[in-house]
Amino acid sequence: MVTKLKHYNPRAAELVNDWQVLDASGQVLGRLATQVATFLMGKHKPSYVPHMLTGDFVVVINAKEIRVTGLKAEQKIYKRHSQYPGNLKEIPYSRMQERQPERIIELAVKGMLPKNKLGRQMLKRLKVYAGAEHPHEAQITGSERREEREEAAAVKAAEAAAAAPKVAAKKAPAKKAAAPKAEAAVTEAVATEVVETAPEKAAPKKAAAKKAPAKKAAAKKPAAKKPAAKKATAAKKPAAKKATAAKKPAAKKKPAAKKPAAKAASDSGEK
């Protein structure tokens, strides 16, 4: 089974950059340069990552007292070229140490740093001075006292955390005493709202109650009228039929009654 480990990636706010002071008097150039490069890259810290500026600022004093081993003081030559033909310049180590001793340490450290943008930023944090004096006393003192400040802040935080439960315990009774008053005020407010809104709510209910029977009656009336109309029509139709039936025999009977009278009259005249 393969397990994947999560890589450490600190935030920029978590990184702390201190100030280191190194005295170059009597030290070998190569050994001092490796120590300075280690401080600049931050490899002496557990928070080191190669893609961030995790290193410190480095101040090197007494650069003119640096030394080299073997025949380097006589054979070592610093070369530079301006990219124009015939402009190669060579400066021996002895002349460089007399004129620009800071340049010796800067070039040695530059060759040990990454050759990219991050390496150039690291090199800017290197401060080299030929003598023992430098203008960075305030920064160095602040970095030395940083641990003391952090310890004092941790102690204050612990004291505040210990005092927090006591303050909460003192404030709790006051909150409990204020709670019944608040509850009573809330209940009174709710009661007044209920009293004020009760008549308004009751009126619509009564109106709805009154409207409901009217609707029911309106719904019942057509049902009651329809059977009555049917009965009325049913009752009227037989009456009409009876009237016609009664009239027709009467009309037939009248001529029958007259005819015998006429005949009787005629009979009496003839006689």
Protein backbone atom coordinates (compact mmCIF):
# COMPACT_ATOMS: atom_id res chain seq x y z
CA MET A 1 0.00 0.00 0.00
CA VAL A 2 1.38 3.39 -1.04
CA THR A 3 0.79 6.33 1.29
CA LYS A 4 1.08 9.90 0.06
CA LEU A 5 2.60 12.39 2.46
CA LYS A 6 1.49 15.99 2.40
CA HIS A 7 4.38 18.36 1.77
CA TYR A 8 5.05 21.14 4.22
CA ASN A 9 4.16 24.52 2.74
CA PRO A 10 4.23 27.42 5.22
CA ARG A 11 2.46 30.71 4.74
CA ALA A 12 4.37 33.95 4.23
CA ALA A 13 2.96 35.30 7.52
CA GLU A 14 4.35 32.31 9.42
CA LEU A 15 7.93 32.90 8.31
CA VAL A 16 10.23 34.81 10.66
CA ASN A 17 13.36 36.54 9.33
CA ASP A 18 16.02 37.27 11.91
CA TRP A 19 19.29 39.17 11.62
CA GLN A 20 22.61 37.34 11.90
CA VAL A 21 25.99 39.00 12.52
CA LEU A 22 29.20 37.27 11.44
CA ASP A 23 32.74 38.48 12.05
CA ALA A 24 35.07 37.71 9.13
CA SER A 25 38.32 38.53 10.95
CA GLY A 26 40.75 35.59 10.60
CA GLN A 27 38.19 33.29 8.89
CA VAL A 28 38.68 31.35 5.67
CA LEU A 29 36.76 32.74 2.71
CA GLY A 30 35.14 29.49 1.58
CA ARG A 31 34.02 28.39 5.05
CA LEU A 32 32.52 31.80 5.81
CA ALA A 33 30.76 31.94 2.43
CA THR A 34 29.06 28.57 2.99
CA GLN A 35 27.84 29.69 6.41
CA VAL A 36 26.47 32.95 4.99
CA ALA A 37 24.74 31.12 2.10
CA THR A 38 23.12 28.72 4.58
CA PHE A 39 21.70 31.61 6.60
CA LEU A 40 20.46 33.41 3.49
CA MET A 41 18.67 30.34 2.10
CA GLY A 42 17.23 29.39 5.49
CA LYS A 43 18.51 25.81 5.53
CA HIS A 44 19.31 26.13 9.23
CA LYS A 45 15.57 26.37 10.03
CA PRO A 46 12.96 23.60 10.19
CA SER A 47 10.59 25.83 8.15
CA TYR A 48 12.86 25.79 5.09
CA VAL A 49 11.25 25.40 1.68
CA PRO A 50 13.23 25.96 -1.53
CA HIS A 51 10.60 28.15 -3.23
CA MET A 52 10.22 30.85 -0.53
CA LEU A 53 12.39 33.39 1.27
CA THR A 54 12.77 31.50 4.52
CA GLY A 55 16.30 32.74 5.29
CA ASP A 56 17.63 35.53 7.49
CA PHE A 57 19.42 38.82 6.95
CA VAL A 58 23.18 38.50 7.35
CA VAL A 59 25.59 41.25 8.37
CA VAL A 60 29.31 40.53 7.81
CA ILE A 61 31.81 42.81 9.52
CA ASN A 62 35.63 43.08 9.23
CA ALA A 63 35.58 41.90 5.62
CA LYS A 64 39.09 43.29 5.02
CA GLU A 65 40.52 40.71 7.47
CA ILE A 66 39.32 37.68 5.53
CA ARG A 67 41.97 35.17 4.46
CA VAL A 68 42.44 32.39 1.90
CA THR A 69 44.50 29.20 2.04
CA GLY A 70 47.42 28.03 -0.10
CA LEU A 71 48.58 30.18 -3.01
CA LYS A 72 45.14 31.69 -3.71
CA ALA A 73 46.21 35.14 -2.50
CA GLU A 74 48.76 35.21 -5.35
CA GLN A 75 47.05 33.12 -8.03
CA LYS A 76 43.36 33.93 -7.65
CA ILE A 77 42.11 36.38 -10.30
CA TYR A 78 38.67 37.99 -10.67
CA LYS A 79 37.59 38.37 -14.30
CA ARG A 80 34.75 40.28 -15.90
CA HIS A 81 33.80 41.10 -19.47
CA SER A 82 31.62 43.86 -20.88
CA GLN A 83 30.56 41.74 -23.92
CA TYR A 84 32.55 44.00 -26.21
CA PRO A 85 35.65 42.68 -27.99
CA GLY A 86 38.88 43.39 -26.12
CA ASN A 87 37.14 44.43 -22.87
CA LEU A 88 38.18 41.52 -20.65
CA LYS A 89 39.28 42.85 -17.27
CA GLU A 90 41.30 40.85 -14.74
CA ILE A 91 41.79 41.90 -11.11
CA PRO A 92 44.07 39.88 -8.79
CA TYR A 93 42.95 38.90 -5.32
CA SER A 94 45.50 41.14 -3.57
CA ARG A 95 44.28 44.27 -5.39
CA MET A 96 40.61 43.39 -4.74
CA GLN A 97 41.33 42.95 -1.03
CA GLU A 98 42.92 46.40 -0.88
CA ARG A 99 40.26 48.27 -2.85
CA GLN A 100 36.96 46.37 -2.39
CA PRO A 101 37.17 43.71 0.35
CA GLU A 102 33.34 43.54 0.52
CA ARG A 103 33.29 42.43 -3.11
CA ILE A 104 35.31 39.30 -2.32
CA ILE A 105 32.70 37.94 0.12
CA GLU A 106 29.75 38.97 -2.07
CA LEU A 107 31.12 37.12 -5.11
CA ALA A 108 31.91 34.00 -3.07
CA VAL A 109 28.39 33.90 -1.61
CA LYS A 110 26.75 34.65 -4.96
CA GLY A 111 28.28 31.52 -6.46
CA MET A 112 26.66 29.39 -3.72
CA LEU A 113 23.10 30.75 -4.06
CA PRO A 114 20.43 29.66 -6.59
CA LYS A 115 20.87 31.21 -10.04
CA ASN A 116 17.36 32.62 -10.34
CA LYS A 117 15.12 35.43 -9.13
CA LEU A 118 14.93 33.99 -5.62
CA GLY A 119 18.72 33.83 -5.39
CA ARG A 120 18.99 37.51 -6.33
CA GLN A 121 16.50 38.39 -3.60
CA MET A 122 18.56 36.41 -1.10
CA LEU A 123 21.74 38.20 -2.12
CA LYS A 124 20.08 41.56 -1.40
CA ARG A 125 19.79 40.51 2.24
CA LEU A 126 23.56 40.28 2.58
CA LYS A 127 25.19 43.35 4.16
CA VAL A 128 29.01 43.34 4.08
CA TYR A 129 31.20 46.01 5.74
CA ALA A 130 34.96 46.34 5.69
CA GLY A 131 35.14 47.55 9.31
CA ALA A 132 33.45 46.67 12.58
CA GLU A 133 30.79 49.39 12.37
CA HIS A 134 27.39 48.92 10.72
CA PRO A 135 24.00 50.75 10.82
CA HIS A 136 21.86 47.70 11.69
CA GLU A 137 22.03 47.71 15.50
CA ALA A 138 18.29 48.24 15.90
CA GLN A 139 17.36 45.28 13.68
CA ILE A 140 19.83 43.00 15.41
CA THR A 141 18.59 44.00 18.86
CA GLY A 142 14.98 43.44 17.78
CA SER A 143 15.72 39.96 16.46
CA GLU A 144 17.57 39.07 19.68
CA ARG A 145 14.60 40.17 21.80
CA ARG A 146 12.04 38.43 19.62
CA GLU A 147 12.12 35.25 21.69
CA GLU A 148 11.62 37.24 24.88
CA ARG A 149 8.62 39.03 23.36
CA GLU A 150 7.12 35.76 22.20
CA GLU A 151 7.55 34.21 25.66
CA ALA A 152 5.96 37.25 27.32
CA ALA A 153 3.03 37.12 24.86
CA ALA A 154 2.55 33.40 25.58
CA VAL A 155 2.49 34.07 29.34
CA LYS A 156 -0.08 36.84 28.92
CA ALA A 157 -2.25 34.60 26.77
CA ALA A 158 -2.11 31.85 29.40
CA GLU A 159 -3.06 34.31 32.15
CA ALA A 160 -5.95 35.64 30.09
CA ALA A 161 -7.18 32.12 29.40
CA ALA A 162 -7.02 31.28 33.12
CA ALA A 163 -8.88 34.47 34.09
CA ALA A 164 -11.60 34.01 31.47
CA PRO A 165 -13.58 31.30 33.41
CA LYS A 166 -13.60 33.44 36.57
CA VAL A 167 -15.00 36.44 34.72
CA ALA A 168 -17.62 34.24 33.06
CA ALA A 169 -18.62 32.81 36.45
CA LYS A 170 -19.05 36.32 37.90
CA LYS A 171 -21.15 37.53 34.99
CA ALA A 172 -23.41 34.46 34.96
CA PRO A 173 -25.60 35.42 38.05
CA ALA A 174 -26.17 38.89 36.65
CA LYS A 175 -27.33 37.40 33.38
CA LYS A 176 -29.62 34.95 35.21
CA ALA A 177 -31.20 37.77 37.25
CA ALA A 178 -31.79 39.79 34.13
CA ALA A 179 -33.29 36.83 32.29
CA PRO A 180 -36.64 36.69 34.26
CA LYS A 181 -37.16 40.42 33.70
CA ALA A 182 -36.58 40.04 30.03
CA GLU A 183 -38.93 37.05 29.88
CA ALA A 184 -41.63 38.96 31.78
CA ALA A 185 -41.31 41.91 29.42
CA VAL A 186 -41.56 39.59 26.43
CA THR A 187 -44.67 37.85 27.82
CA GLU A 188 -46.35 41.21 28.53
CA ALA A 189 -45.62 42.40 25.03
CA VAL A 190 -47.01 39.18 23.57
CA ALA A 191 -50.15 39.44 25.74
CA THR A 192 -50.81 43.02 24.65
CA GLU A 193 -50.37 42.04 21.02
CA VAL A 194 -52.80 39.16 21.46
CA VAL A 195 -55.37 41.42 23.14
CA GLU A 196 -55.05 44.07 20.45
CA THR A 197 -55.24 41.64 17.59
CA ALA A 198 -58.01 39.40 19.07
CA PRO A 199 -61.05 41.62 18.11
CA GLU A 200 -59.66 42.15 14.64
CA LYS A 201 -59.27 38.44 14.11
CA ALA A 202 -62.73 37.62 15.65
CA ALA A 203 -64.60 40.01 13.33
CA PRO A 204 -63.53 38.27 10.13
CA LYS A 205 -64.48 34.92 11.63
CA LYS A 206 -68.03 36.14 12.43
CA ALA A 207 -68.37 37.67 9.02
CA ALA A 208 -67.24 34.42 7.52
CA ALA A 209 -69.75 32.58 9.72
CA LYS A 210 -72.53 34.87 8.51
CA LYS A 211 -71.55 34.52 4.91
CA ALA A 212 -71.41 30.74 5.11
CA PRO A 213 -75.17 30.20 5.81
CA ALA A 214 -76.08 32.67 3.09
CA LYS A 215 -74.02 30.71 0.63
CA LYS A 216 -75.58 27.45 1.82
CA ALA A 217 -79.10 28.91 1.47
CA ALA A 218 -78.27 30.21 -1.95
CA ALA A 219 -77.05 26.77 -2.85
CA LYS A 220 -80.20 25.10 -1.46
CA LYS A 221 -82.79 27.43 -3.06
CA PRO A 222 -82.22 26.34 -6.63
CA ALA A 223 -82.47 22.72 -5.53
CA ALA A 224 -85.81 23.40 -3.78
CA LYS A 225 -87.23 25.41 -6.73
CA LYS A 226 -86.56 22.82 -9.39
CA PRO A 227 -88.78 20.11 -7.93
CA ALA A 228 -91.57 22.69 -7.30
CA ALA A 229 -91.45 23.85 -10.89
CA LYS A 230 -91.60 20.31 -12.12
CA LYS A 231 -94.59 19.57 -9.86
CA ALA A 232 -96.35 22.77 -10.96
CA THR A 233 -95.90 21.92 -14.59
CA ALA A 234 -96.96 18.36 -13.93
CA ALA A 235 -100.07 19.58 -12.15
CA LYS A 236 -100.92 22.15 -14.80
CA LYS A 237 -100.70 19.82 -17.75
CA PRO A 238 -103.40 17.37 -16.54
CA ALA A 239 -105.72 20.30 -15.71
CA ALA A 240 -105.38 21.69 -19.17
CA LYS A 241 -106.07 18.31 -20.65
CA LYS A 242 -109.12 17.89 -18.43
CA ALA A 243 -110.44 21.35 -19.41
CA THR A 244 -110.14 20.56 -23.07
CA ALA A 245 -111.67 17.19 -22.52
CA ALA A 246 -114.60 18.76 -20.67
CA LYS A 247 -115.10 21.47 -23.31
CA LYS A 248 -115.19 19.13 -26.26
CA PRO A 249 -118.10 17.02 -25.04
CA ALA A 250 -120.08 20.16 -24.22
CA ALA A 251 -119.67 21.44 -27.73
CA LYS A 252 -120.89 18.14 -29.10
CA LYS A 253 -123.85 17.92 -26.76
CA LYS A 254 -125.31 21.37 -27.64
CA PRO A 255 -126.15 20.59 -31.25
CA ALA A 256 -127.62 17.26 -30.18
CA ALA A 257 -129.92 18.97 -27.75
CA LYS A 258 -131.02 21.57 -30.33
CA LYS A 259 -131.80 19.12 -33.04
CA PRO A 260 -134.58 17.37 -31.16
CA ALA A 261 -136.15 20.73 -30.33
CA ALA A 262 -136.15 21.72 -34.01
CA LYS A 263 -137.60 18.44 -34.99
CA ALA A 264 -140.30 18.80 -32.32
CA ALA A 265 -141.17 22.26 -33.63
CA SER A 266 -141.37 21.01 -37.19
CA ASP A 267 -143.51 18.13 -36.13
CA SER A 268 -145.90 20.40 -34.30
CA GLY A 269 -146.22 22.73 -37.35
CA GLU A 270 -146.98 19.95 -39.69
CA LYS A 271 -149.71 18.73 -37.48
